[in-house]
Amino acid sequence: MDVFPDFEGLSGISELREVAGALLMFALIVAVLMLIVSAICWAVGASNGNYQTATRGRIGVFVALGAAILAGAGVAWLNWLITIGDQL
């Protein structure tokens, strides 16, 4: 009895790569825009002595940096998984 997986059944890998890349690019653009807006809020709050705005801007900058790092790492991780899947 010869039972083997059908690797030809997964023909949509290129479309998956395009869709995932587009979604991660969108997430990266939003993270960069969030970083710019949060940095402006942090600067304005710090210069005017408004500690609440400065603190929220600082938290926004750190969250935006984390999101940008995760989006960039997500692209690398997804490409690695697709490459491993092609080698099976």
C-alpha atoms as a PDB file:
ATOM      1  CA  MET A   1       0.000   0.000   0.000  1.00  0.00           C
ATOM      2  CA  ASP A   2       1.613   3.247  -1.181  1.00  0.00           C
ATOM      3  CA  VAL A   3       0.103   6.318   0.464  1.00  0.00           C
ATOM      4  CA  PHE A   4       1.932   9.602   0.038  1.00  0.00           C
ATOM      5  CA  PRO A   5       0.842  13.236   0.538  1.00  0.00           C
ATOM      6  CA  ASP A   6      -0.184  15.162  -2.553  1.00  0.00           C
ATOM      7  CA  PHE A   7       2.160  18.158  -2.684  1.00  0.00           C
ATOM      8  CA  GLU A   8       0.702  19.309  -5.990  1.00  0.00           C
ATOM      9  CA  GLY A   9      -2.617  20.120  -4.262  1.00  0.00           C
ATOM     10  CA  LEU A  10      -1.182  23.306  -2.730  1.00  0.00           C
ATOM     11  CA  SER A  11      -1.016  25.478  -5.801  1.00  0.00           C
ATOM     12  CA  GLY A  12      -1.982  28.767  -4.108  1.00  0.00           C
ATOM     13  CA  ILE A  13       1.316  29.457  -2.346  1.00  0.00           C
ATOM     14  CA  SER A  14       2.174  32.437  -4.559  1.00  0.00           C
ATOM     15  CA  GLU A  15      -1.232  34.032  -3.901  1.00  0.00           C
ATOM     16  CA  LEU A  16      -0.823  33.424  -0.162  1.00  0.00           C
ATOM     17  CA  ARG A  17       2.580  35.094  -0.260  1.00  0.00           C
ATOM     18  CA  GLU A  18       1.140  38.140  -2.082  1.00  0.00           C
ATOM     19  CA  VAL A  19      -1.834  38.506   0.273  1.00  0.00           C
ATOM     20  CA  ALA A  20       0.256  38.108   3.419  1.00  0.00           C
ATOM     21  CA  GLY A  21       2.861  40.525   2.088  1.00  0.00           C
ATOM     22  CA  ALA A  22       0.194  43.124   1.324  1.00  0.00           C
ATOM     23  CA  LEU A  23      -1.353  42.789   4.791  1.00  0.00           C
ATOM     24  CA  LEU A  24       2.006  43.053   6.517  1.00  0.00           C
ATOM     25  CA  MET A  25       2.930  46.069   4.364  1.00  0.00           C
ATOM     26  CA  PHE A  26      -0.327  47.741   5.395  1.00  0.00           C
ATOM     27  CA  ALA A  27       0.464  47.010   9.063  1.00  0.00           C
ATOM     28  CA  LEU A  28       3.939  48.464   8.624  1.00  0.00           C
ATOM     29  CA  ILE A  29       2.585  51.665   7.030  1.00  0.00           C
ATOM     30  CA  VAL A  30       0.071  52.105   9.863  1.00  0.00           C
ATOM     31  CA  ALA A  31       2.838  51.532  12.440  1.00  0.00           C
ATOM     32  CA  VAL A  32       5.043  54.193  10.834  1.00  0.00           C
ATOM     33  CA  LEU A  33       2.180  56.695  10.712  1.00  0.00           C
ATOM     34  CA  MET A  34       1.369  55.904  14.351  1.00  0.00           C
ATOM     35  CA  LEU A  35       5.030  56.438  15.227  1.00  0.00           C
ATOM     36  CA  ILE A  36       5.038  59.886  13.603  1.00  0.00           C
ATOM     37  CA  VAL A  37       1.806  61.016  15.281  1.00  0.00           C
ATOM     38  CA  SER A  38       2.865  59.671  18.693  1.00  0.00           C
ATOM     39  CA  ALA A  39       6.278  61.336  18.450  1.00  0.00           C
ATOM     40  CA  ILE A  40       4.604  64.663  17.652  1.00  0.00           C
ATOM     41  CA  CYS A  41       2.243  64.247  20.626  1.00  0.00           C
ATOM     42  CA  TRP A  42       5.176  63.347  22.876  1.00  0.00           C
ATOM     43  CA  ALA A  43       7.138  66.410  21.743  1.00  0.00           C
ATOM     44  CA  VAL A  44       4.210  68.822  22.073  1.00  0.00           C
ATOM     45  CA  GLY A  45       3.240  67.421  25.468  1.00  0.00           C
ATOM     46  CA  ALA A  46       6.791  67.597  26.777  1.00  0.00           C
ATOM     47  CA  SER A  47       7.344  71.148  25.523  1.00  0.00           C
ATOM     48  CA  ASN A  48       4.084  72.430  27.038  1.00  0.00           C
ATOM     49  CA  GLY A  49       4.518  70.646  30.362  1.00  0.00           C
ATOM     50  CA  ASN A  50       1.509  68.381  29.828  1.00  0.00           C
ATOM     51  CA  TYR A  51       2.750  65.128  31.359  1.00  0.00           C
ATOM     52  CA  GLN A  52      -0.330  63.108  30.362  1.00  0.00           C
ATOM     53  CA  THR A  53       0.070  63.876  26.669  1.00  0.00           C
ATOM     54  CA  ALA A  54       3.818  63.278  26.856  1.00  0.00           C
ATOM     55  CA  THR A  55       3.300  59.920  28.581  1.00  0.00           C
ATOM     56  CA  ARG A  56       0.662  58.798  26.101  1.00  0.00           C
ATOM     57  CA  GLY A  57       2.854  59.892  23.202  1.00  0.00           C
ATOM     58  CA  ARG A  58       5.799  57.965  24.639  1.00  0.00           C
ATOM     59  CA  ILE A  59       3.664  54.830  25.057  1.00  0.00           C
ATOM     60  CA  GLY A  60       2.406  55.271  21.486  1.00  0.00           C
ATOM     61  CA  VAL A  61       5.984  55.488  20.189  1.00  0.00           C
ATOM     62  CA  PHE A  62       6.946  52.264  21.961  1.00  0.00           C
ATOM     63  CA  VAL A  63       3.815  50.457  20.745  1.00  0.00           C
ATOM     64  CA  ALA A  64       4.417  51.646  17.179  1.00  0.00           C
ATOM     65  CA  LEU A  65       8.032  50.475  17.297  1.00  0.00           C
ATOM     66  CA  GLY A  66       6.914  47.090  18.590  1.00  0.00           C
ATOM     67  CA  ALA A  67       4.285  46.796  15.861  1.00  0.00           C
ATOM     68  CA  ALA A  68       6.819  47.718  13.166  1.00  0.00           C
ATOM     69  CA  ILE A  69       9.282  45.146  14.491  1.00  0.00           C
ATOM     70  CA  LEU A  70       6.590  42.456  14.606  1.00  0.00           C
ATOM     71  CA  ALA A  71       5.415  43.294  11.073  1.00  0.00           C
ATOM     72  CA  GLY A  72       8.956  43.094   9.727  1.00  0.00           C
ATOM     73  CA  ALA A  73       9.618  39.862  11.580  1.00  0.00           C
ATOM     74  CA  GLY A  74       6.293  38.499  10.328  1.00  0.00           C
ATOM     75  CA  VAL A  75       7.402  38.896   6.718  1.00  0.00           C
ATOM     76  CA  ALA A  76      10.647  37.051   7.368  1.00  0.00           C
ATOM     77  CA  TRP A  77       8.885  34.319   9.353  1.00  0.00           C
ATOM     78  CA  LEU A  78       6.202  33.795   6.701  1.00  0.00           C
ATOM     79  CA  ASN A  79       8.768  33.589   3.898  1.00  0.00           C
ATOM     80  CA  TRP A  80      10.771  31.079   5.955  1.00  0.00           C
ATOM     81  CA  LEU A  81       7.677  28.928   6.570  1.00  0.00           C
ATOM     82  CA  ILE A  82       6.739  28.956   2.887  1.00  0.00           C
ATOM     83  CA  THR A  83      10.305  27.979   1.955  1.00  0.00           C
ATOM     84  CA  ILE A  84      10.257  25.107   4.452  1.00  0.00           C
ATOM     85  CA  GLY A  85       6.862  24.026   3.119  1.00  0.00           C
ATOM     86  CA  ASP A  86       8.192  23.942  -0.455  1.00  0.00           C
ATOM     87  CA  GLN A  87      11.046  21.677   0.606  1.00  0.00           C
ATOM     88  CA  LEU A  88       8.812  19.003   2.115  1.00  0.00           C
END
